[in-house]
Every structure is written in structure tokens, then in C-alpha cells.
Amino acid sequence: MELEKFNTIVRAQIQQCFDTLELKNREYTFGNDRLEHFKNTAIEHEITPRQALWGMASKHITSISSMCKNNINNTELWTEKITDSINYLLLLQALITEECENE
């Protein structure tokens, strides 16, 4: 793949990630804390916020693995699963940063 096409794909994916994060923020955050959903889930299940987040992220990673194994060619589904997986990693980065800053 030529660099120009690759860069176009990456830019589109990053924009999709940002747009999805914005949409989900309105859906899952009711206060000012973007990470509250993971913190509340952690309290409810007596686990850490990282564990709560990773549990939610794992279903997307498992789906991607299954899609690879089964040679799925649904572009829309791939975009959804890849976007969600990237976003969970970004949210994990934010959670870890916050935890380290609060130590």
C-alpha cells in the first residue's frame, strides 16, 4: 500500500475514534469525569478500574480475533471493532495517567 493511501486510512480511523469517544462521552458520562463509568463498575464488582475497563475491552478484542479466524469481510463491522478497541486503549492510557498522577 502506498504511503498516501495508508495515511488517509490512518487519519480517517483517528477521526472515527475521536467522533466515537465524543458520542460515547455523552452516553456514559453524567458528570465531569470521563472515566467514571469504569470507576463505578470497579466499585460495583470489587475490582480495580483498570480491570473493569479491560473486561469491557476484552469483548472487542475477542471479536476481532474471531473475525480474523473466520475471514470476515464486513468493512463496517471491522471499523466498529477496531475503533472500539483503539478507544479502550486510549481510555486505559487516561486511566493509568490519572492513577499515576494521584499516587
Protein backbone atom coordinates (compact mmCIF):
# COMPACT_ATOMS: atom_id res chain seq x y z
CA MET A 1 0.00 0.00 0.00
CA GLU A 2 1.30 3.40 -0.92
CA LEU A 3 2.09 5.83 1.88
CA GLU A 4 -0.54 8.37 0.81
CA LYS A 5 -3.35 5.80 0.94
CA PHE A 6 -2.06 4.44 4.25
CA ASN A 7 -2.00 7.94 5.76
CA THR A 8 -5.55 8.57 4.54
CA ILE A 9 -6.75 5.38 6.23
CA VAL A 10 -4.98 6.26 9.48
CA ARG A 11 -6.35 9.81 9.51
CA ALA A 12 -9.88 8.53 8.89
CA GLN A 13 -9.51 5.97 11.68
CA ILE A 14 -8.25 8.55 14.15
CA GLN A 15 -11.17 10.84 13.30
CA GLN A 16 -13.58 7.92 13.72
CA CYS A 17 -12.05 7.19 17.13
CA PHE A 18 -12.41 10.79 18.24
CA ASP A 19 -16.00 11.04 16.98
CA THR A 20 -16.93 7.82 18.78
CA LEU A 21 -15.28 8.96 22.01
CA GLU A 22 -17.30 12.19 21.83
CA LEU A 23 -20.55 10.30 21.22
CA LYS A 24 -19.91 7.77 23.98
CA ASN A 25 -18.93 10.53 26.39
CA ARG A 26 -22.47 11.88 26.16
CA GLU A 27 -23.87 8.36 26.58
CA TYR A 28 -21.77 7.16 29.54
CA THR A 29 -20.62 10.26 31.44
CA PHE A 30 -23.08 12.20 33.57
CA GLY A 31 -20.62 14.38 35.48
CA ASN A 32 -17.26 15.83 34.67
CA ASP A 33 -15.22 12.60 34.99
CA ARG A 34 -14.76 10.85 31.63
CA LEU A 35 -13.58 7.73 33.45
CA GLU A 36 -16.42 7.49 35.97
CA HIS A 37 -18.05 4.55 34.17
CA PHE A 38 -15.01 2.36 34.82
CA LYS A 39 -14.63 3.57 38.40
CA ASN A 40 -18.28 2.88 39.19
CA THR A 41 -18.12 -0.56 37.59
CA ALA A 42 -14.98 -1.30 39.62
CA ILE A 43 -16.74 -0.41 42.87
CA GLU A 44 -19.80 -2.44 41.95
CA HIS A 45 -17.73 -5.55 41.16
CA GLU A 46 -14.98 -5.03 43.76
CA ILE A 47 -12.22 -4.83 41.18
CA THR A 48 -9.90 -2.06 40.01
CA PRO A 49 -10.95 0.48 37.39
CA ARG A 50 -8.25 -0.97 35.10
CA GLN A 51 -9.76 -4.43 35.47
CA ALA A 52 -13.23 -3.06 34.78
CA LEU A 53 -12.04 -1.31 31.64
CA TRP A 54 -10.12 -4.32 30.41
CA GLY A 55 -13.13 -6.58 30.91
CA MET A 56 -15.15 -4.30 28.68
CA ALA A 57 -12.34 -4.02 26.12
CA SER A 58 -11.78 -7.77 26.01
CA LYS A 59 -15.07 -8.45 24.24
CA HIS A 60 -13.93 -6.30 21.32
CA ILE A 61 -10.50 -7.93 21.19
CA THR A 62 -12.15 -11.36 21.27
CA SER A 63 -14.48 -10.32 18.44
CA ILE A 64 -11.54 -9.17 16.34
CA SER A 65 -9.75 -12.46 16.95
CA SER A 66 -12.85 -14.36 15.90
CA MET A 67 -13.27 -12.19 12.81
CA CYS A 68 -9.66 -12.87 11.80
CA LYS A 69 -10.06 -16.61 12.28
CA ASN A 70 -13.32 -16.67 10.32
CA ASN A 71 -12.14 -14.42 7.48
CA ILE A 72 -14.94 -11.87 7.97
CA ASN A 73 -15.04 -9.21 5.24
CA ASN A 74 -17.64 -6.81 6.64
CA THR A 75 -15.87 -3.43 6.47
CA GLU A 76 -18.42 -1.68 8.68
CA LEU A 77 -18.06 -4.32 11.40
CA TRP A 78 -14.25 -4.15 11.18
CA THR A 79 -14.32 -0.37 11.54
CA GLU A 80 -16.59 -0.61 14.58
CA LYS A 81 -14.50 -3.23 16.37
CA ILE A 82 -11.16 -1.59 15.56
CA THR A 83 -12.45 1.82 16.63
CA ASP A 84 -13.76 0.47 19.91
CA SER A 85 -10.51 -1.39 20.60
CA ILE A 86 -8.36 1.67 19.95
CA ASN A 87 -10.65 3.78 22.11
CA TYR A 88 -10.42 1.37 25.03
CA LEU A 89 -6.63 1.58 24.83
CA LEU A 90 -6.84 5.38 24.82
CA LEU A 91 -9.18 5.29 27.81
CA LEU A 92 -6.77 2.90 29.56
CA GLN A 93 -3.94 5.36 28.92
CA ALA A 94 -6.02 8.14 30.50
CA LEU A 95 -6.92 5.94 33.48
CA ILE A 96 -3.30 4.92 34.08
CA THR A 97 -2.14 8.55 33.74
CA GLU A 98 -4.71 9.67 36.28
CA GLU A 99 -3.79 6.88 38.71
CA CYS A 100 -0.06 7.66 38.46
CA GLU A 101 -0.67 11.36 38.97
CA ASN A 102 -2.72 10.62 42.11
CA GLU A 103 -0.05 8.45 43.73
